[in-house]
Amino acid sequence: MNHRNFQTISVEGMTCSHCEASVVRNLSKIEGIDEVLADKNTSQVKITGSKINLDEVERMVTEIGYQFKGVIS
């Protein structure tokens, strides 16, 4: 059975739907991540996957120009 993990992280700098789409598109490329939902209004990104590497997530968020502010839940 493939166990799915859920993480919600805080990401600052998303100001429009294009920003949300960029975060979703880039985080979805990371191995082990199945689904990404970004919300610019709450600055939250919900991640679902079998293996979520937060170091990799933080690196990608920073690389594409946003601020990784840590895990919310």
PDB file of N, CA and C in Angstrom:
ATOM      1  N   MET A   1       0.842  -1.196   0.000  1.00  0.00           N
ATOM      2  CA  MET A   1       0.000   0.000   0.000  1.00  0.00           C
ATOM      3  C   MET A   1       0.879   1.248   0.000  1.00  0.00           C
ATOM      4  N   ASN A   2       0.579   2.177  -0.850  1.00  0.00           N
ATOM      5  CA  ASN A   2       1.355   3.402  -0.964  1.00  0.00           C
ATOM      6  C   ASN A   2       0.801   4.449   0.000  1.00  0.00           C
ATOM      7  N   HIS A   3       1.561   4.755   1.028  1.00  0.00           N
ATOM      8  CA  HIS A   3       1.107   5.724   2.032  1.00  0.00           C
ATOM      9  C   HIS A   3       1.293   7.149   1.501  1.00  0.00           C
ATOM     10  N   ARG A   4       0.237   7.929   1.560  1.00  0.00           N
ATOM     11  CA  ARG A   4       0.311   9.310   1.071  1.00  0.00           C
ATOM     12  C   ARG A   4       0.479  10.258   2.249  1.00  0.00           C
ATOM     13  N   ASN A   5       1.406  11.177   2.087  1.00  0.00           N
ATOM     14  CA  ASN A   5       1.671  12.190   3.099  1.00  0.00           C
ATOM     15  C   ASN A   5       1.034  13.509   2.675  1.00  0.00           C
ATOM     16  N   PHE A   6       0.707  14.321   3.666  1.00  0.00           N
ATOM     17  CA  PHE A   6       0.151  15.649   3.408  1.00  0.00           C
ATOM     18  C   PHE A   6       0.982  16.663   4.186  1.00  0.00           C
ATOM     19  N   GLN A   7       1.325  17.754   3.535  1.00  0.00           N
ATOM     20  CA  GLN A   7       2.041  18.830   4.198  1.00  0.00           C
ATOM     21  C   GLN A   7       1.448  20.147   3.718  1.00  0.00           C
ATOM     22  N   THR A   8       1.339  21.093   4.618  1.00  0.00           N
ATOM     23  CA  THR A   8       0.963  22.441   4.227  1.00  0.00           C
ATOM     24  C   THR A   8       2.131  23.335   4.587  1.00  0.00           C
ATOM     25  N   ILE A   9       2.591  24.105   3.608  1.00  0.00           N
ATOM     26  CA  ILE A   9       3.705  25.009   3.848  1.00  0.00           C
ATOM     27  C   ILE A   9       3.261  26.449   3.587  1.00  0.00           C
ATOM     28  N   SER A  10       4.014  27.371   4.154  1.00  0.00           N
ATOM     29  CA  SER A  10       3.756  28.790   3.937  1.00  0.00           C
ATOM     30  C   SER A  10       4.756  29.309   2.915  1.00  0.00           C
ATOM     31  N   VAL A  11       4.244  29.954   1.869  1.00  0.00           N
ATOM     32  CA  VAL A  11       5.082  30.507   0.805  1.00  0.00           C
ATOM     33  C   VAL A  11       4.669  31.947   0.565  1.00  0.00           C
ATOM     34  N   GLU A  12       5.591  32.883   0.798  1.00  0.00           N
ATOM     35  CA  GLU A  12       5.293  34.293   0.554  1.00  0.00           C
ATOM     36  C   GLU A  12       5.761  34.702  -0.837  1.00  0.00           C
ATOM     37  N   GLY A  13       5.040  35.649  -1.418  1.00  0.00           N
ATOM     38  CA  GLY A  13       5.424  36.193  -2.711  1.00  0.00           C
ATOM     39  C   GLY A  13       4.492  35.839  -3.852  1.00  0.00           C
ATOM     40  N   MET A  14       3.517  34.967  -3.597  1.00  0.00           N
ATOM     41  CA  MET A  14       2.551  34.625  -4.654  1.00  0.00           C
ATOM     42  C   MET A  14       1.488  35.725  -4.685  1.00  0.00           C
ATOM     43  N   THR A  15       1.430  36.459  -5.787  1.00  0.00           N
ATOM     44  CA  THR A  15       0.512  37.598  -5.857  1.00  0.00           C
ATOM     45  C   THR A  15      -0.584  37.433  -6.904  1.00  0.00           C
ATOM     46  N   CYS A  16      -0.475  36.408  -7.754  1.00  0.00           N
ATOM     47  CA  CYS A  16      -1.471  36.257  -8.820  1.00  0.00           C
ATOM     48  C   CYS A  16      -1.627  34.785  -9.168  1.00  0.00           C
ATOM     49  N   SER A  17      -2.571  34.492 -10.035  1.00  0.00           N
ATOM     50  CA  SER A  17      -2.812  33.104 -10.414  1.00  0.00           C
ATOM     51  C   SER A  17      -1.612  32.525 -11.165  1.00  0.00           C
ATOM     52  N   HIS A  18      -0.860  33.383 -11.879  1.00  0.00           N
ATOM     53  CA  HIS A  18       0.354  32.923 -12.566  1.00  0.00           C
ATOM     54  C   HIS A  18       1.380  32.432 -11.541  1.00  0.00           C
ATOM     55  N   CYS A  19       1.491  33.143 -10.420  1.00  0.00           N
ATOM     56  CA  CYS A  19       2.397  32.739  -9.335  1.00  0.00           C
ATOM     57  C   CYS A  19       1.991  31.376  -8.789  1.00  0.00           C
ATOM     58  N   GLU A  20       0.698  31.220  -8.526  1.00  0.00           N
ATOM     59  CA  GLU A  20       0.184  29.934  -8.027  1.00  0.00           C
ATOM     60  C   GLU A  20       0.536  28.816  -9.004  1.00  0.00           C
ATOM     61  N   ALA A  21       0.304  29.060 -10.276  1.00  0.00           N
ATOM     62  CA  ALA A  21       0.549  28.048 -11.307  1.00  0.00           C
ATOM     63  C   ALA A  21       2.036  27.695 -11.376  1.00  0.00           C
ATOM     64  N   SER A  22       2.901  28.680 -11.224  1.00  0.00           N
ATOM     65  CA  SER A  22       4.344  28.451 -11.253  1.00  0.00           C
ATOM     66  C   SER A  22       4.781  27.568 -10.089  1.00  0.00           C
ATOM     67  N   VAL A  23       4.263  27.848  -8.899  1.00  0.00           N
ATOM     68  CA  VAL A  23       4.584  27.046  -7.724  1.00  0.00           C
ATOM     69  C   VAL A  23       4.084  25.616  -7.918  1.00  0.00           C
ATOM     70  N   VAL A  24       2.846  25.466  -8.359  1.00  0.00           N
ATOM     71  CA  VAL A  24       2.262  24.142  -8.583  1.00  0.00           C
ATOM     72  C   VAL A  24       3.065  23.367  -9.623  1.00  0.00           C
ATOM     73  N   ARG A  25       3.358  24.008 -10.751  1.00  0.00           N
ATOM     74  CA  ARG A  25       4.061  23.345 -11.849  1.00  0.00           C
ATOM     75  C   ARG A  25       5.453  22.876 -11.410  1.00  0.00           C
ATOM     76  N   ASN A  26       6.184  23.739 -10.721  1.00  0.00           N
ATOM     77  CA  ASN A  26       7.554  23.404 -10.339  1.00  0.00           C
ATOM     78  C   ASN A  26       7.624  22.389  -9.203  1.00  0.00           C
ATOM     79  N   LEU A  27       6.761  22.518  -8.204  1.00  0.00           N
ATOM     80  CA  LEU A  27       6.781  21.554  -7.107  1.00  0.00           C
ATOM     81  C   LEU A  27       6.295  20.181  -7.573  1.00  0.00           C
ATOM     82  N   SER A  28       5.408  20.164  -8.564  1.00  0.00           N
ATOM     83  CA  SER A  28       4.889  18.900  -9.087  1.00  0.00           C
ATOM     84  C   SER A  28       5.980  18.084  -9.788  1.00  0.00           C
ATOM     85  N   LYS A  29       7.066  18.741 -10.192  1.00  0.00           N
ATOM     86  CA  LYS A  29       8.175  18.057 -10.870  1.00  0.00           C
ATOM     87  C   LYS A  29       9.014  17.237  -9.902  1.00  0.00           C
ATOM     88  N   ILE A  30       8.921  17.537  -8.607  1.00  0.00           N
ATOM     89  CA  ILE A  30       9.753  16.852  -7.617  1.00  0.00           C
ATOM     90  C   ILE A  30       9.262  15.422  -7.422  1.00  0.00           C
ATOM     91  N   GLU A  31      10.190  14.492  -7.471  1.00  0.00           N
ATOM     92  CA  GLU A  31       9.852  13.080  -7.311  1.00  0.00           C
ATOM     93  C   GLU A  31       9.225  12.831  -5.944  1.00  0.00           C
ATOM     94  N   GLY A  32       8.142  12.062  -5.929  1.00  0.00           N
ATOM     95  CA  GLY A  32       7.469  11.734  -4.684  1.00  0.00           C
ATOM     96  C   GLY A  32       6.281  12.633  -4.373  1.00  0.00           C
ATOM     97  N   ILE A  33       6.130  13.720  -5.151  1.00  0.00           N
ATOM     98  CA  ILE A  33       5.007  14.634  -4.953  1.00  0.00           C
ATOM     99  C   ILE A  33       3.952  14.350  -6.022  1.00  0.00           C
ATOM    100  N   ASP A  34       2.719  14.117  -5.565  1.00  0.00           N
ATOM    101  CA  ASP A  34       1.636  13.751  -6.482  1.00  0.00           C
ATOM    102  C   ASP A  34       0.730  14.929  -6.823  1.00  0.00           C
ATOM    103  N   GLU A  35       0.476  15.776  -5.829  1.00  0.00           N
ATOM    104  CA  GLU A  35      -0.483  16.861  -6.039  1.00  0.00           C
ATOM    105  C   GLU A  35      -0.047  18.093  -5.254  1.00  0.00           C
ATOM    106  N   VAL A  36      -0.220  19.256  -5.867  1.00  0.00           N
ATOM    107  CA  VAL A  36       0.121  20.529  -5.219  1.00  0.00           C
ATOM    108  C   VAL A  36      -1.041  21.495  -5.424  1.00  0.00           C
ATOM    109  N   LEU A  37      -1.477  22.138  -4.347  1.00  0.00           N
ATOM    110  CA  LEU A  37      -2.513  23.169  -4.421  1.00  0.00           C
ATOM    111  C   LEU A  37      -1.956  24.434  -3.782  1.00  0.00           C
ATOM    112  N   ALA A  38      -1.885  25.513  -4.548  1.00  0.00           N
ATOM    113  CA  ALA A  38      -1.362  26.777  -4.033  1.00  0.00           C
ATOM    114  C   ALA A  38      -2.492  27.793  -3.911  1.00  0.00           C
ATOM    115  N   ASP A  39      -2.480  28.583  -2.833  1.00  0.00           N
ATOM    116  CA  ASP A  39      -3.491  29.615  -2.601  1.00  0.00           C
ATOM    117  C   ASP A  39      -2.792  30.925  -2.264  1.00  0.00           C
ATOM    118  N   LYS A  40      -2.816  31.856  -3.209  1.00  0.00           N
ATOM    119  CA  LYS A  40      -2.132  33.141  -3.012  1.00  0.00           C
ATOM    120  C   LYS A  40      -2.770  33.965  -1.897  1.00  0.00           C
ATOM    121  N   ASN A  41      -4.058  33.766  -1.640  1.00  0.00           N
ATOM    122  CA  ASN A  41      -4.764  34.557  -0.621  1.00  0.00           C
ATOM    123  C   ASN A  41      -4.326  34.208   0.798  1.00  0.00           C
ATOM    124  N   THR A  42      -3.997  32.936   1.016  1.00  0.00           N
ATOM    125  CA  THR A  42      -3.568  32.503   2.350  1.00  0.00           C
ATOM    126  C   THR A  42      -2.060  32.286   2.420  1.00  0.00           C
ATOM    127  N   SER A  43      -1.381  32.381   1.273  1.00  0.00           N
ATOM    128  CA  SER A  43       0.060  32.091   1.165  1.00  0.00           C
ATOM    129  C   SER A  43       0.371  30.658   1.582  1.00  0.00           C
ATOM    130  N   GLN A  44      -0.588  29.762   1.348  1.00  0.00           N
ATOM    131  CA  GLN A  44      -0.397  28.363   1.717  1.00  0.00           C
ATOM    132  C   GLN A  44      -0.310  27.481   0.477  1.00  0.00           C
ATOM    133  N   VAL A  45       0.544  26.471   0.592  1.00  0.00           N
ATOM    134  CA  VAL A  45       0.670  25.467  -0.460  1.00  0.00           C
ATOM    135  C   VAL A  45       0.481  24.111   0.187  1.00  0.00           C
ATOM    136  N   LYS A  46      -0.526  23.368  -0.294  1.00  0.00           N
ATOM    137  CA  LYS A  46      -0.801  22.028   0.223  1.00  0.00           C
ATOM    138  C   LYS A  46      -0.169  21.023  -0.727  1.00  0.00           C
ATOM    139  N   ILE A  47       0.602  20.111  -0.141  1.00  0.00           N
ATOM    140  CA  ILE A  47       1.345  19.125  -0.934  1.00  0.00           C
ATOM    141  C   ILE A  47       0.914  17.721  -0.514  1.00  0.00           C
ATOM    142  N   THR A  48       0.662  16.873  -1.504  1.00  0.00           N
ATOM    143  CA  THR A  48       0.324  15.471  -1.262  1.00  0.00           C
ATOM    144  C   THR A  48       1.330  14.624  -2.026  1.00  0.00           C
ATOM    145  N   GLY A  49       1.788  13.562  -1.372  1.00  0.00           N
ATOM    146  CA  GLY A  49       2.714  12.687  -2.080  1.00  0.00           C
ATOM    147  C   GLY A  49       3.119  11.502  -1.247  1.00  0.00           C
ATOM    148  N   SER A  50       3.798  10.572  -1.887  1.00  0.00           N
ATOM    149  CA  SER A  50       4.257   9.374  -1.190  1.00  0.00           C
ATOM    150  C   SER A  50       5.531   9.672  -0.407  1.00  0.00           C
ATOM    151  N   LYS A  51       6.298  10.659  -0.875  1.00  0.00           N
ATOM    152  CA  LYS A  51       7.534  11.031  -0.191  1.00  0.00           C
ATOM    153  C   LYS A  51       7.772  12.517  -0.445  1.00  0.00           C
ATOM    154  N   ILE A  52       7.594  13.326   0.580  1.00  0.00           N
ATOM    155  CA  ILE A  52       7.758  14.772   0.436  1.00  0.00           C
ATOM    156  C   ILE A  52       9.083  15.170   1.082  1.00  0.00           C
ATOM    157  N   ASN A  53      10.008  15.615   0.258  1.00  0.00           N
ATOM    158  CA  ASN A  53      11.316  16.052   0.737  1.00  0.00           C
ATOM    159  C   ASN A  53      11.261  17.570   0.921  1.00  0.00           C
ATOM    160  N   LEU A  54      11.128  18.008   2.172  1.00  0.00           N
ATOM    161  CA  LEU A  54      10.952  19.442   2.432  1.00  0.00           C
ATOM    162  C   LEU A  54      12.172  20.270   2.059  1.00  0.00           C
ATOM    163  N   ASP A  55      13.358  19.687   2.150  1.00  0.00           N
ATOM    164  CA  ASP A  55      14.556  20.413   1.722  1.00  0.00           C
ATOM    165  C   ASP A  55      14.486  20.709   0.234  1.00  0.00           C
ATOM    166  N   GLU A  56      14.031  19.724  -0.532  1.00  0.00           N
ATOM    167  CA  GLU A  56      13.886  19.882  -1.979  1.00  0.00           C
ATOM    168  C   GLU A  56      12.782  20.899  -2.301  1.00  0.00           C
ATOM    169  N   VAL A  57      11.684  20.843  -1.545  1.00  0.00           N
ATOM    170  CA  VAL A  57      10.587  21.792  -1.726  1.00  0.00           C
ATOM    171  C   VAL A  57      11.078  23.214  -1.457  1.00  0.00           C
ATOM    172  N   GLU A  58      11.794  23.386  -0.347  1.00  0.00           N
ATOM    173  CA  GLU A  58      12.316  24.719  -0.004  1.00  0.00           C
ATOM    174  C   GLU A  58      13.270  25.227  -1.076  1.00  0.00           C
ATOM    175  N   ARG A  59      14.138  24.351  -1.573  1.00  0.00           N
ATOM    176  CA  ARG A  59      15.094  24.743  -2.615  1.00  0.00           C
ATOM    177  C   ARG A  59      14.355  25.201  -3.880  1.00  0.00           C
ATOM    178  N   MET A  60      13.331  24.452  -4.278  1.00  0.00           N
ATOM    179  CA  MET A  60      12.581  24.786  -5.491  1.00  0.00           C
ATOM    180  C   MET A  60      11.816  26.094  -5.333  1.00  0.00           C
ATOM    181  N   VAL A  61      11.168  26.276  -4.178  1.00  0.00           N
ATOM    182  CA  VAL A  61      10.399  27.505  -3.927  1.00  0.00           C
ATOM    183  C   VAL A  61      11.325  28.720  -4.016  1.00  0.00           C
ATOM    184  N   THR A  62      12.503  28.608  -3.398  1.00  0.00           N
ATOM    185  CA  THR A  62      13.467  29.712  -3.396  1.00  0.00           C
ATOM    186  C   THR A  62      14.005  29.958  -4.800  1.00  0.00           C
ATOM    187  N   GLU A  63      14.281  28.873  -5.515  1.00  0.00           N
ATOM    188  CA  GLU A  63      14.849  28.945  -6.860  1.00  0.00           C
ATOM    189  C   GLU A  63      13.920  29.685  -7.825  1.00  0.00           C
ATOM    190  N   ILE A  64      12.616  29.517  -7.654  1.00  0.00           N
ATOM    191  CA  ILE A  64      11.679  30.168  -8.577  1.00  0.00           C
ATOM    192  C   ILE A  64      11.239  31.549  -8.081  1.00  0.00           C
ATOM    193  N   GLY A  65      11.844  32.005  -6.981  1.00  0.00           N
ATOM    194  CA  GLY A  65      11.673  33.403  -6.589  1.00  0.00           C
ATOM    195  C   GLY A  65      10.683  33.704  -5.481  1.00  0.00           C
ATOM    196  N   TYR A  66      10.299  32.685  -4.711  1.00  0.00           N
ATOM    197  CA  TYR A  66       9.364  32.909  -3.602  1.00  0.00           C
ATOM    198  C   TYR A  66      10.052  32.609  -2.277  1.00  0.00           C
ATOM    199  N   GLN A  67       9.410  32.972  -1.183  1.00  0.00           N
ATOM    200  CA  GLN A  67      10.000  32.760   0.135  1.00  0.00           C
ATOM    201  C   GLN A  67       9.316  31.581   0.830  1.00  0.00           C
ATOM    202  N   PHE A  68      10.116  30.575   1.131  1.00  0.00           N
ATOM    203  CA  PHE A  68       9.636  29.414   1.891  1.00  0.00           C
ATOM    204  C   PHE A  68       9.647  29.803   3.364  1.00  0.00           C
ATOM    205  N   LYS A  69       8.460  29.786   4.002  1.00  0.00           N
ATOM    206  CA  LYS A  69       8.349  30.237   5.385  1.00  0.00           C
ATOM    207  C   LYS A  69       8.115  29.107   6.371  1.00  0.00           C
ATOM    208  N   GLY A  70       8.200  27.879   5.901  1.00  0.00           N
ATOM    209  CA  GLY A  70       8.108  26.739   6.796  1.00  0.00           C
ATOM    210  C   GLY A  70       6.819  25.959   6.704  1.00  0.00           C
ATOM    211  N   VAL A  71       6.780  24.904   7.509  1.00  0.00           N
ATOM    212  CA  VAL A  71       5.637  23.996   7.527  1.00  0.00           C
ATOM    213  C   VAL A  71       4.567  24.532   8.467  1.00  0.00           C
ATOM    214  N   ILE A  72       3.330  24.504   8.015  1.00  0.00           N
ATOM    215  CA  ILE A  72       2.194  24.929   8.845  1.00  0.00           C
ATOM    216  C   ILE A  72       1.599  23.704   9.540  1.00  0.00           C
ATOM    217  N   SER A  73       1.443  22.624   8.778  1.00  0.00           N
ATOM    218  CA  SER A  73       0.903  21.395   9.384  1.00  0.00           C
ATOM    219  C   SER A  73       1.429  20.190   8.641  1.00  0.00           C
TER     220      SER A  73
END
